[in-house]
Amino acid sequence: MTHRILFVCLGNICRSPSAEGVFRTLVPAATTDSAGTGDWHVGDPPYGPMQDAASARGYDLSDLRARRITARDFDRFDLIVAMDAANLRAIEAVRPAGAATPVRLFTDYAPDRGMDHVPDPYMTRDFDGTLDLIEDCARGLAARL
């Protein structure tokens, strides 16, 4: 079975493209994409310092470009993964009537970490700490497929 997973954060330049990059490395057979709930960075590559941190761990994000989540994504994906509760609410606001695609917090897949969100390294500047958590969540998600 091919899994189709969409990772979503606010601007789609740090957390969600990193989650996509990590997950597609762990589960190359999965169909992945990432998006943002906002439109500030549409068409932009992932944030430079985030790309650098990911690249240092062997994750290539250079082919990714920011986009905004759309109602069509509920048909295109089997699972939509939010980086925090605010993004989860924004995703649900886009949900079309009758769409059954589950939306989950990424941190649900790493409950041992005790985190309820993936911190935004654009604000915290902790790119490596964010990647540590993303790797744990991605491994947890991969184990549940």
Protein backbone atom coordinates (compact mmCIF):
# COMPACT_ATOMS: atom_id res chain seq x y z
CA MET A 1 0.00 0.00 0.00
CA THR A 2 1.30 3.43 -0.93
CA HIS A 3 0.87 6.01 1.80
CA ARG A 4 0.15 9.62 0.83
CA ILE A 5 1.09 12.03 3.61
CA LEU A 6 0.97 15.83 3.74
CA PHE A 7 3.00 17.69 6.38
CA VAL A 8 1.73 21.17 7.30
CA CYS A 9 3.12 24.10 9.25
CA LEU A 10 2.56 27.86 9.12
CA GLY A 11 4.72 29.12 6.25
CA ASN A 12 6.00 25.86 4.73
CA ILE A 13 9.64 26.93 4.88
CA CYS A 14 10.99 25.19 8.01
CA ARG A 15 9.07 22.50 9.87
CA SER A 16 6.86 20.91 7.23
CA PRO A 17 9.48 20.73 4.45
CA SER A 18 11.91 19.25 6.96
CA ALA A 19 9.32 16.70 8.04
CA GLU A 20 8.74 15.84 4.40
CA GLY A 21 12.46 15.52 3.73
CA VAL A 22 13.07 13.31 6.77
CA PHE A 23 10.02 11.13 6.12
CA ARG A 24 10.70 10.57 2.43
CA THR A 25 14.21 9.44 3.38
CA LEU A 26 12.82 6.99 5.96
CA VAL A 27 9.94 5.75 3.76
CA PRO A 28 10.90 6.32 0.12
CA ALA A 29 7.84 4.41 -1.12
CA ALA A 30 5.49 6.96 0.48
CA THR A 31 4.08 9.86 -1.49
CA THR A 32 4.83 13.01 0.50
CA ASP A 33 4.29 16.72 0.21
CA SER A 34 4.28 19.71 2.51
CA ALA A 35 2.24 22.88 2.72
CA GLY A 36 1.59 25.90 4.89
CA THR A 37 -1.56 27.36 6.33
CA GLY A 38 -0.36 30.84 5.36
CA ASP A 39 0.62 32.17 1.96
CA TRP A 40 3.58 34.43 2.78
CA HIS A 41 6.23 32.17 1.24
CA VAL A 42 4.40 30.49 -1.66
CA GLY A 43 6.96 29.47 -4.28
CA ASP A 44 9.95 29.97 -1.96
CA PRO A 45 12.46 27.23 -1.14
CA PRO A 46 12.86 26.14 2.48
CA TYR A 47 14.54 28.68 4.74
CA GLY A 48 18.33 28.66 4.25
CA PRO A 49 19.38 27.85 7.82
CA MET A 50 16.80 25.03 7.93
CA GLN A 51 18.12 23.62 4.65
CA ASP A 52 21.67 23.82 6.03
CA ALA A 53 20.75 21.96 9.22
CA ALA A 54 18.87 19.29 7.25
CA SER A 55 21.68 18.93 4.73
CA ALA A 56 24.20 18.37 7.54
CA ARG A 57 22.12 15.29 8.46
CA GLY A 58 21.81 14.04 4.89
CA TYR A 59 18.36 15.43 4.04
CA ASP A 60 18.06 17.31 0.75
CA LEU A 61 15.24 19.88 0.80
CA SER A 62 16.46 21.85 -2.22
CA ASP A 63 13.71 20.61 -4.57
CA LEU A 64 10.87 21.72 -2.27
CA ARG A 65 8.85 24.91 -2.73
CA ALA A 66 6.33 26.42 -0.35
CA ARG A 67 2.64 26.19 -1.12
CA ARG A 68 -0.58 26.69 0.77
CA ILE A 69 -2.88 23.83 1.79
CA THR A 70 -6.08 23.56 -0.23
CA ALA A 71 -9.36 21.69 0.09
CA ARG A 72 -8.16 19.34 -2.69
CA ASP A 73 -5.45 18.05 -0.37
CA PHE A 74 -8.12 16.16 1.58
CA ASP A 75 -8.68 14.04 -1.55
CA ARG A 76 -5.02 13.75 -2.50
CA PHE A 77 -3.68 12.49 0.85
CA ASP A 78 -4.44 9.64 3.27
CA LEU A 79 -3.13 11.58 6.26
CA ILE A 80 -2.47 15.25 6.98
CA VAL A 81 0.04 15.96 9.74
CA ALA A 82 0.09 19.32 11.56
CA MET A 83 3.11 20.72 13.37
CA ASP A 84 1.03 22.42 16.10
CA ALA A 85 -2.54 22.95 17.34
CA ALA A 86 -2.97 26.31 15.57
CA ASN A 87 -2.06 24.71 12.25
CA LEU A 88 -4.37 21.79 12.99
CA ARG A 89 -7.27 24.24 13.49
CA ALA A 90 -6.37 26.08 10.27
CA ILE A 91 -6.26 22.77 8.37
CA GLU A 92 -9.67 21.79 9.73
CA ALA A 93 -11.04 25.17 8.59
CA VAL A 94 -10.11 24.19 5.00
CA ARG A 95 -11.68 20.70 5.27
CA PRO A 96 -14.45 20.25 2.70
CA ALA A 97 -17.79 18.83 3.81
CA GLY A 98 -17.70 15.05 3.90
CA ALA A 99 -13.90 14.73 3.75
CA ALA A 100 -12.77 11.93 6.07
CA THR A 101 -8.99 12.35 5.79
CA PRO A 102 -7.52 12.24 9.29
CA VAL A 103 -5.53 15.23 10.57
CA ARG A 104 -3.09 14.53 13.39
CA LEU A 105 -0.42 16.37 15.32
CA PHE A 106 3.08 15.22 14.33
CA THR A 107 4.07 15.00 17.99
CA ASP A 108 1.40 12.31 18.49
CA TYR A 109 3.93 9.99 16.84
CA ALA A 110 6.61 10.64 19.47
CA PRO A 111 4.64 10.67 22.74
CA ASP A 112 7.73 9.88 24.81
CA ARG A 113 9.10 13.32 23.96
CA GLY A 114 6.33 14.99 26.00
CA MET A 115 5.85 17.71 23.38
CA ASP A 116 2.49 18.93 22.11
CA HIS A 117 3.96 20.77 19.10
CA VAL A 118 7.03 21.04 16.91
CA PRO A 119 8.63 24.39 17.82
CA ASP A 120 9.13 26.78 14.91
CA PRO A 121 12.88 27.22 14.39
CA TYR A 122 12.23 30.37 12.35
CA MET A 123 11.38 31.89 15.72
CA THR A 124 13.45 29.80 18.16
CA ARG A 125 16.55 29.56 15.93
CA ASP A 126 17.00 25.98 17.23
CA PHE A 127 17.16 24.21 13.88
CA ASP A 128 18.95 21.14 15.25
CA GLY A 129 16.55 20.73 18.17
CA THR A 130 13.62 20.94 15.77
CA LEU A 131 15.22 18.33 13.51
CA ASP A 132 15.79 16.03 16.50
CA LEU A 133 12.07 16.14 17.27
CA ILE A 134 11.07 15.81 13.61
CA GLU A 135 13.26 12.71 13.25
CA ASP A 136 11.65 11.13 16.32
CA CYS A 137 8.13 11.93 15.07
CA ALA A 138 8.95 10.65 11.57
CA ARG A 139 10.28 7.37 12.96
CA GLY A 140 7.16 7.01 15.08
CA LEU A 141 4.89 7.68 12.10
CA ALA A 142 6.84 5.27 9.90
CA ALA A 143 6.49 2.55 12.55
CA ARG A 144 2.69 2.95 12.49
CA LEU A 145 2.31 2.51 8.73
